[in-house]
Amino acid sequence: MSKDPREFLRHIHEECLYLVHVSENLQFDDLLSDETLKRAVVRSLEISSVAFF
């Protein structure tokens, strides 16, 4: 990944859009009961945090 700050922001933005999309009609208990979705959301948060720092 390049060191251009805009590239980091683009990655964060993409992950935020994904999180908003998958959580639109999602209840917290549904997230906890779906292991694949839970892992996807956690991974998305990891990607955002790595891009941020």
C-alpha atoms as a PDB file:
ATOM      1  CA  MET A   1       0.000   0.000   0.000  1.00  0.00           C
ATOM      2  CA  SER A   2       1.306   3.458  -0.845  1.00  0.00           C
ATOM      3  CA  LYS A   3       2.142   5.991   1.831  1.00  0.00           C
ATOM      4  CA  ASP A   4      -0.171   8.589   0.307  1.00  0.00           C
ATOM      5  CA  PRO A   5      -2.585   9.666   3.077  1.00  0.00           C
ATOM      6  CA  ARG A   6      -5.448   9.673   0.590  1.00  0.00           C
ATOM      7  CA  GLU A   7      -4.878   5.978  -0.018  1.00  0.00           C
ATOM      8  CA  PHE A   8      -5.100   5.244   3.706  1.00  0.00           C
ATOM      9  CA  LEU A   9      -8.290   7.298   3.928  1.00  0.00           C
ATOM     10  CA  ARG A  10      -9.742   5.475   0.924  1.00  0.00           C
ATOM     11  CA  HIS A  11      -9.184   2.121   2.636  1.00  0.00           C
ATOM     12  CA  ILE A  12     -10.781   3.367   5.842  1.00  0.00           C
ATOM     13  CA  HIS A  13     -13.720   4.769   3.880  1.00  0.00           C
ATOM     14  CA  GLU A  14     -14.251   1.486   2.009  1.00  0.00           C
ATOM     15  CA  GLU A  15     -14.269  -0.487   5.230  1.00  0.00           C
ATOM     16  CA  CYS A  16     -16.682   1.955   6.870  1.00  0.00           C
ATOM     17  CA  LEU A  17     -19.035   1.658   3.894  1.00  0.00           C
ATOM     18  CA  TYR A  18     -18.888  -2.131   4.191  1.00  0.00           C
ATOM     19  CA  LEU A  19     -19.668  -1.995   7.899  1.00  0.00           C
ATOM     20  CA  VAL A  20     -22.616   0.333   7.364  1.00  0.00           C
ATOM     21  CA  HIS A  21     -23.929  -1.905   4.583  1.00  0.00           C
ATOM     22  CA  VAL A  22     -23.772  -5.170   6.524  1.00  0.00           C
ATOM     23  CA  SER A  23     -25.154  -3.662   9.711  1.00  0.00           C
ATOM     24  CA  GLU A  24     -28.129  -1.767   8.266  1.00  0.00           C
ATOM     25  CA  ASN A  25     -30.769  -4.277   9.376  1.00  0.00           C
ATOM     26  CA  LEU A  26     -28.643  -6.306  11.740  1.00  0.00           C
ATOM     27  CA  GLN A  27     -29.341  -6.892  15.389  1.00  0.00           C
ATOM     28  CA  PHE A  28     -26.370  -7.365  17.702  1.00  0.00           C
ATOM     29  CA  ASP A  29     -27.499 -10.888  18.625  1.00  0.00           C
ATOM     30  CA  ASP A  30     -27.623 -11.773  14.923  1.00  0.00           C
ATOM     31  CA  LEU A  31     -24.020 -10.668  14.569  1.00  0.00           C
ATOM     32  CA  LEU A  32     -22.953 -12.732  17.547  1.00  0.00           C
ATOM     33  CA  SER A  33     -24.691 -15.839  16.258  1.00  0.00           C
ATOM     34  CA  ASP A  34     -23.178 -15.654  12.740  1.00  0.00           C
ATOM     35  CA  GLU A  35     -19.515 -16.609  13.067  1.00  0.00           C
ATOM     36  CA  THR A  36     -18.654 -15.765   9.444  1.00  0.00           C
ATOM     37  CA  LEU A  37     -20.235 -12.325   9.615  1.00  0.00           C
ATOM     38  CA  LYS A  38     -18.655 -11.681  13.003  1.00  0.00           C
ATOM     39  CA  ARG A  39     -15.224 -12.510  11.620  1.00  0.00           C
ATOM     40  CA  ALA A  40     -15.813 -10.323   8.562  1.00  0.00           C
ATOM     41  CA  VAL A  41     -16.799  -7.353  10.699  1.00  0.00           C
ATOM     42  CA  VAL A  42     -13.856  -7.820  13.053  1.00  0.00           C
ATOM     43  CA  ARG A  43     -11.483  -8.084  10.089  1.00  0.00           C
ATOM     44  CA  SER A  44     -12.943  -4.946   8.570  1.00  0.00           C
ATOM     45  CA  LEU A  45     -12.341  -3.086  11.833  1.00  0.00           C
ATOM     46  CA  GLU A  46      -8.769  -4.400  11.907  1.00  0.00           C
ATOM     47  CA  ILE A  47      -8.135  -3.164   8.373  1.00  0.00           C
ATOM     48  CA  SER A  48      -9.494   0.263   9.269  1.00  0.00           C
ATOM     49  CA  SER A  49      -7.385   0.524  12.396  1.00  0.00           C
ATOM     50  CA  VAL A  50      -4.200  -0.559  10.608  1.00  0.00           C
ATOM     51  CA  ALA A  51      -4.829   1.967   7.838  1.00  0.00           C
ATOM     52  CA  PHE A  52      -5.480   4.661  10.437  1.00  0.00           C
ATOM     53  CA  PHE A  53      -2.255   4.117  12.368  1.00  0.00           C
END
